[in-house]
Amino acid sequence: MRPLQISPETAVKLSEKLGVPLEHLMHMPQHILLQKIAELGKEETAKEQSEKKDGQ
């Protein structure tokens, strides 16, 4: 399996956000990475919505 085709900057940011070592991220199967990114997006969306409710 070849490493993911993403820029170094993107790899570092994803590694930090997902809490995964950079080496593991680069060799992670693409379908699993996409699933983790989708989960992260759902969490951030829920967080933004709760902040909007609190602000009103």
C-alpha atoms as a PDB file:
ATOM      1  CA  MET A   1       0.000   0.000   0.000  1.00  0.00           C
ATOM      2  CA  ARG A   2       1.437   3.374  -0.954  1.00  0.00           C
ATOM      3  CA  PRO A   3       1.370   6.445   1.309  1.00  0.00           C
ATOM      4  CA  LEU A   4      -1.502   8.897   0.996  1.00  0.00           C
ATOM      5  CA  GLN A   5      -1.151  11.560  -1.661  1.00  0.00           C
ATOM      6  CA  ILE A   6      -1.577  14.630   0.556  1.00  0.00           C
ATOM      7  CA  SER A   7       0.630  17.639   1.151  1.00  0.00           C
ATOM      8  CA  PRO A   8       2.953  17.678   4.175  1.00  0.00           C
ATOM      9  CA  GLU A   9       1.045  20.629   5.672  1.00  0.00           C
ATOM     10  CA  THR A  10      -2.257  18.781   5.377  1.00  0.00           C
ATOM     11  CA  ALA A  11      -0.749  15.632   6.879  1.00  0.00           C
ATOM     12  CA  VAL A  12       0.559  17.532   9.905  1.00  0.00           C
ATOM     13  CA  LYS A  13      -2.788  19.299  10.505  1.00  0.00           C
ATOM     14  CA  LEU A  14      -4.760  16.052  10.174  1.00  0.00           C
ATOM     15  CA  SER A  15      -2.360  14.269  12.478  1.00  0.00           C
ATOM     16  CA  GLU A  16      -2.862  16.921  15.154  1.00  0.00           C
ATOM     17  CA  LYS A  17      -6.661  17.058  14.769  1.00  0.00           C
ATOM     18  CA  LEU A  18      -7.116  13.286  14.780  1.00  0.00           C
ATOM     19  CA  GLY A  19      -4.547  12.640  17.500  1.00  0.00           C
ATOM     20  CA  VAL A  20      -2.755  10.103  15.330  1.00  0.00           C
ATOM     21  CA  PRO A  21       1.034   9.919  14.866  1.00  0.00           C
ATOM     22  CA  LEU A  22       2.092  11.249  11.469  1.00  0.00           C
ATOM     23  CA  GLU A  23       3.622   7.908  10.453  1.00  0.00           C
ATOM     24  CA  HIS A  24       0.339   6.101  11.138  1.00  0.00           C
ATOM     25  CA  LEU A  25      -1.648   8.733   9.276  1.00  0.00           C
ATOM     26  CA  MET A  26       0.460   8.438   6.128  1.00  0.00           C
ATOM     27  CA  HIS A  27      -0.044   4.664   5.969  1.00  0.00           C
ATOM     28  CA  MET A  28      -3.676   4.651   7.044  1.00  0.00           C
ATOM     29  CA  PRO A  29      -6.065   3.144   4.470  1.00  0.00           C
ATOM     30  CA  GLN A  30      -7.850   5.901   2.589  1.00  0.00           C
ATOM     31  CA  HIS A  31     -11.369   4.707   3.472  1.00  0.00           C
ATOM     32  CA  ILE A  32     -10.557   4.780   7.198  1.00  0.00           C
ATOM     33  CA  LEU A  33      -9.032   8.253   6.935  1.00  0.00           C
ATOM     34  CA  LEU A  34     -12.116   9.533   5.120  1.00  0.00           C
ATOM     35  CA  GLN A  35     -14.330   8.030   7.825  1.00  0.00           C
ATOM     36  CA  LYS A  36     -12.304   9.748  10.569  1.00  0.00           C
ATOM     37  CA  ILE A  37     -12.430  13.086   8.710  1.00  0.00           C
ATOM     38  CA  ALA A  38     -16.222  12.740   8.368  1.00  0.00           C
ATOM     39  CA  GLU A  39     -16.541  12.055  12.123  1.00  0.00           C
ATOM     40  CA  LEU A  40     -14.366  15.082  12.864  1.00  0.00           C
ATOM     41  CA  GLY A  41     -16.556  17.222  10.609  1.00  0.00           C
ATOM     42  CA  LYS A  42     -19.715  16.048  12.385  1.00  0.00           C
ATOM     43  CA  GLU A  43     -18.209  16.904  15.772  1.00  0.00           C
ATOM     44  CA  GLU A  44     -17.211  20.391  14.631  1.00  0.00           C
ATOM     45  CA  THR A  45     -20.642  21.010  13.101  1.00  0.00           C
ATOM     46  CA  ALA A  46     -22.357  19.948  16.318  1.00  0.00           C
ATOM     47  CA  LYS A  47     -20.015  22.195  18.296  1.00  0.00           C
ATOM     48  CA  GLU A  48     -20.780  25.191  16.055  1.00  0.00           C
ATOM     49  CA  GLN A  49     -24.526  24.603  16.346  1.00  0.00           C
ATOM     50  CA  SER A  50     -24.366  24.407  20.128  1.00  0.00           C
ATOM     51  CA  GLU A  51     -22.362  27.659  20.210  1.00  0.00           C
ATOM     52  CA  LYS A  52     -25.027  29.355  18.083  1.00  0.00           C
ATOM     53  CA  LYS A  53     -27.753  28.201  20.464  1.00  0.00           C
ATOM     54  CA  ASP A  54     -25.806  29.445  23.475  1.00  0.00           C
ATOM     55  CA  GLY A  55     -25.251  32.829  21.846  1.00  0.00           C
ATOM     56  CA  GLN A  56     -28.930  33.487  21.147  1.00  0.00           C
END
